[in-house]
Amino acid sequence: MNFSYKTRGTCSTKITFDLDDGVVSNVRFVGGCNGNLKGIGSLVEGMNAEDVVKKLKGTTCGFKGTSCPDQLAAAIEEALRENEK
């Protein structure tokens, strides 16, 4: 299933990804640091969603209380909650 998440407090403005049977794929960020975010998308491709959340949640960027990886974790958590319904 495809999900879209509007980010908060980051240079990227939106994250889209697929979540099928608890596996993350096709992660795309809109805005932000293009190369770094493509790298993050590649690194999490095919990973278990809960593992991605554990690795990325709480990551900060400079003085901000969040980051693009942290927002990806939040997006995945939201998608997991939606899938439980």
Protein backbone atom coordinates (compact mmCIF):
# COMPACT_ATOMS: atom_id res chain seq x y z
CA MET A 1 0.00 0.00 0.00
CA ASN A 2 1.31 3.47 -0.87
CA PHE A 3 1.54 6.13 1.84
CA SER A 4 2.17 9.86 1.72
CA TYR A 5 3.31 11.90 4.73
CA LYS A 6 3.63 15.68 5.08
CA THR A 7 6.80 16.31 7.04
CA ARG A 8 7.16 18.79 9.90
CA GLY A 9 10.27 20.81 10.75
CA THR A 10 12.50 19.58 7.91
CA CYS A 11 13.74 20.79 4.55
CA SER A 12 11.88 17.97 2.85
CA THR A 13 8.15 18.61 2.60
CA LYS A 14 6.75 15.18 1.86
CA ILE A 15 7.66 11.50 2.00
CA THR A 16 6.03 8.76 -0.04
CA PHE A 17 6.66 5.05 0.37
CA ASP A 18 5.11 1.63 0.04
CA LEU A 19 4.43 -0.64 3.00
CA ASP A 20 3.49 -4.21 2.17
CA ASP A 21 3.47 -7.02 4.74
CA GLY A 22 5.54 -4.86 7.09
CA VAL A 23 8.27 -4.20 4.51
CA VAL A 24 9.26 -0.69 3.37
CA SER A 25 9.99 0.09 -0.28
CA ASN A 26 10.02 2.91 -2.85
CA VAL A 27 10.88 5.67 -0.36
CA ARG A 28 10.87 9.10 -2.00
CA PHE A 29 11.42 12.49 -0.37
CA VAL A 30 10.25 15.79 -1.87
CA GLY A 31 12.80 18.52 -1.18
CA GLY A 32 15.65 18.23 1.26
CA CYS A 33 19.19 17.02 0.60
CA ASN A 34 18.68 15.04 -2.58
CA GLY A 35 21.69 12.70 -2.44
CA ASN A 36 21.44 11.98 1.27
CA LEU A 37 17.74 11.25 1.06
CA LYS A 38 18.15 8.98 -1.96
CA GLY A 39 20.77 7.15 0.10
CA ILE A 40 18.41 6.75 3.04
CA GLY A 41 15.73 5.44 0.68
CA SER A 42 18.17 2.89 -0.74
CA LEU A 43 19.36 1.80 2.70
CA VAL A 44 15.86 1.10 4.02
CA GLU A 45 14.62 -0.58 0.80
CA GLY A 46 13.25 -4.00 1.68
CA MET A 47 13.70 -3.55 5.44
CA ASN A 48 11.16 -4.45 8.07
CA ALA A 49 9.22 -1.29 8.96
CA GLU A 50 9.70 -1.68 12.72
CA ASP A 51 13.47 -2.04 12.24
CA VAL A 52 13.55 1.18 10.19
CA VAL A 53 11.69 3.01 12.96
CA LYS A 54 14.09 1.70 15.63
CA LYS A 55 17.13 2.83 13.65
CA LEU A 56 15.92 6.28 12.56
CA LYS A 57 13.56 7.55 15.27
CA GLY A 58 15.06 10.38 17.29
CA THR A 59 17.71 11.37 14.74
CA THR A 60 18.16 15.14 14.77
CA CYS A 61 19.50 17.59 12.20
CA GLY A 62 21.62 20.42 13.55
CA PHE A 63 19.65 22.46 16.07
CA LYS A 64 16.31 20.98 15.00
CA GLY A 65 14.50 18.48 17.17
CA THR A 66 13.84 16.28 14.14
CA SER A 67 15.34 15.32 10.79
CA CYS A 68 14.30 13.74 7.52
CA PRO A 69 15.19 10.25 8.85
CA ASP A 70 13.19 10.97 12.03
CA GLN A 71 10.25 12.11 9.91
CA LEU A 72 10.49 8.89 7.88
CA ALA A 73 10.25 6.96 11.15
CA ALA A 74 7.17 9.00 12.11
CA ALA A 75 5.62 8.37 8.69
CA ILE A 76 6.18 4.63 8.99
CA GLU A 77 4.73 4.58 12.51
CA GLU A 78 1.63 6.34 11.21
CA ALA A 79 1.33 3.89 8.32
CA LEU A 80 1.66 0.94 10.69
CA ARG A 81 -1.13 2.36 12.87
CA GLU A 82 -3.35 2.83 9.80
CA ASN A 83 -2.69 -0.76 8.73
CA GLU A 84 -3.85 -2.02 12.13
CA LYS A 85 -7.32 -0.53 11.59
